[in-house]
Amino acid sequence: MQYIKTREEFENLTRTGNVIVQFSATWCGPCKTLTKTMENVIPDQSDVSFYKIDIDSMDKSILQEYNIRSVPRLIVFVNGDDKAEMIGSKSQSEVTDFINKHKEAR
């Protein structure tokens, strides 16, 4: 999963298609667990782009805009619109079901 490091990158990468952004922190145990889960989910989601944001190094205005107060958090973007979010570390089947429910079919 590629890290998004700037607001400009964030806006460009979430603008088109199905995009999942994982908000996390390097010090967060549940974030590390979710990252491992995502590594198993990503290969089965060829119509979705996946990115990660380290909350400690990202523009704080994005964190405020999306009300990021706890991590890990996944947000589904479809053509630039945030459609749904999931908070906490979840099982592979829960993450897969969440993505499939909220992504736009192609």
Protein backbone atom coordinates (compact mmCIF):
# COMPACT_ATOMS: atom_id res chain seq x y z
CA MET A 1 0.00 0.00 0.00
CA GLN A 2 1.41 3.37 -1.03
CA TYR A 3 1.54 6.20 1.51
CA ILE A 4 -0.15 9.50 0.73
CA LYS A 5 2.04 12.29 2.04
CA THR A 6 0.40 15.56 0.95
CA ARG A 7 -3.06 17.05 0.61
CA GLU A 8 -2.49 17.42 -3.14
CA GLU A 9 -1.69 13.69 -3.46
CA PHE A 10 -4.75 12.84 -1.38
CA GLU A 11 -7.05 14.95 -3.56
CA ASN A 12 -5.59 13.57 -6.80
CA LEU A 13 -5.60 9.92 -5.74
CA THR A 14 -9.13 9.87 -4.31
CA ARG A 15 -10.72 11.79 -7.18
CA THR A 16 -11.50 8.88 -9.53
CA GLY A 17 -12.70 5.32 -9.11
CA ASN A 18 -12.94 3.16 -6.01
CA VAL A 19 -10.32 4.14 -3.45
CA ILE A 20 -9.73 2.88 0.09
CA VAL A 21 -7.65 5.06 2.40
CA GLN A 22 -6.36 3.59 5.64
CA PHE A 23 -5.63 6.20 8.30
CA SER A 24 -3.12 4.78 10.76
CA ALA A 25 -0.09 5.47 12.94
CA THR A 26 3.24 3.67 13.21
CA TRP A 27 2.84 3.31 17.00
CA CYS A 28 -0.67 1.79 16.78
CA GLY A 29 -0.92 -1.98 17.36
CA PRO A 30 -4.40 -2.39 15.83
CA CYS A 31 -3.17 -0.41 12.79
CA LYS A 32 -0.39 -2.95 12.24
CA THR A 33 -2.91 -5.78 12.51
CA LEU A 34 -5.23 -4.10 9.99
CA THR A 35 -2.32 -3.52 7.62
CA LYS A 36 -1.61 -7.28 7.63
CA THR A 37 -5.29 -7.96 6.98
CA MET A 38 -5.28 -5.46 4.10
CA GLU A 39 -2.29 -7.24 2.54
CA ASN A 40 -4.54 -10.31 2.22
CA VAL A 41 -7.57 -8.35 0.97
CA ILE A 42 -5.87 -6.21 -1.69
CA PRO A 43 -5.04 -8.98 -4.22
CA ASP A 44 -8.75 -9.85 -4.54
CA GLN A 45 -9.82 -6.24 -5.16
CA SER A 46 -8.41 -5.41 -8.60
CA ASP A 47 -11.00 -2.65 -9.15
CA VAL A 48 -9.99 -0.74 -6.00
CA SER A 49 -6.94 1.44 -5.30
CA PHE A 50 -5.51 1.29 -1.78
CA TYR A 51 -3.55 4.00 0.05
CA LYS A 52 -2.42 4.69 3.56
CA ILE A 53 -2.03 7.89 5.57
CA ASP A 54 0.22 8.19 8.63
CA ILE A 55 -1.74 10.57 10.85
CA ASP A 56 1.43 11.83 12.52
CA SER A 57 2.94 13.13 9.28
CA MET A 58 -0.16 14.21 7.31
CA ASP A 59 -1.64 17.68 6.92
CA LYS A 60 -3.87 18.03 9.99
CA SER A 61 -6.62 19.71 7.95
CA ILE A 62 -7.39 16.36 6.28
CA LEU A 63 -7.64 14.69 9.68
CA GLN A 64 -10.06 17.40 10.83
CA GLU A 65 -12.06 17.30 7.60
CA TYR A 66 -12.67 13.54 7.97
CA ASN A 67 -12.98 13.67 11.76
CA ILE A 68 -10.09 11.28 12.33
CA ARG A 69 -9.90 10.92 16.10
CA SER A 70 -9.05 7.25 16.37
CA VAL A 71 -7.14 4.78 14.24
CA PRO A 72 -7.14 2.53 12.36
CA ARG A 73 -9.86 3.85 10.11
CA LEU A 74 -10.75 2.89 6.54
CA ILE A 75 -12.64 5.30 4.32
CA VAL A 76 -14.15 4.29 0.98
CA PHE A 77 -14.06 6.99 -1.69
CA VAL A 78 -16.00 6.59 -4.93
CA ASN A 79 -15.14 9.18 -7.56
CA GLY A 80 -14.00 11.62 -4.87
CA ASP A 81 -16.95 11.21 -2.51
CA ASP A 82 -16.47 9.54 0.86
CA LYS A 83 -19.09 6.81 0.99
CA ALA A 84 -18.40 4.87 4.18
CA GLU A 85 -15.92 4.31 6.96
CA MET A 86 -14.88 1.49 9.24
CA ILE A 87 -13.11 2.08 12.55
CA GLY A 88 -10.85 -0.44 14.24
CA SER A 89 -9.05 -3.58 13.22
CA LYS A 90 -11.42 -6.09 11.65
CA SER A 91 -11.22 -9.60 10.24
CA GLN A 92 -10.44 -10.24 6.59
CA SER A 93 -14.05 -11.20 5.87
CA GLU A 94 -15.39 -8.07 7.61
CA VAL A 95 -13.04 -5.84 5.58
CA THR A 96 -13.88 -7.62 2.33
CA ASP A 97 -17.63 -7.36 2.99
CA PHE A 98 -17.26 -3.66 3.87
CA ILE A 99 -15.37 -2.90 0.65
CA ASN A 100 -17.73 -4.93 -1.54
CA LYS A 101 -20.79 -3.27 0.00
CA HIS A 102 -19.56 0.28 -0.61
CA LYS A 103 -17.49 0.26 -3.78
CA GLU A 104 -19.07 1.12 -7.09
CA ALA A 105 -19.42 -1.77 -9.52
CA ARG A 106 -17.50 -1.36 -12.74
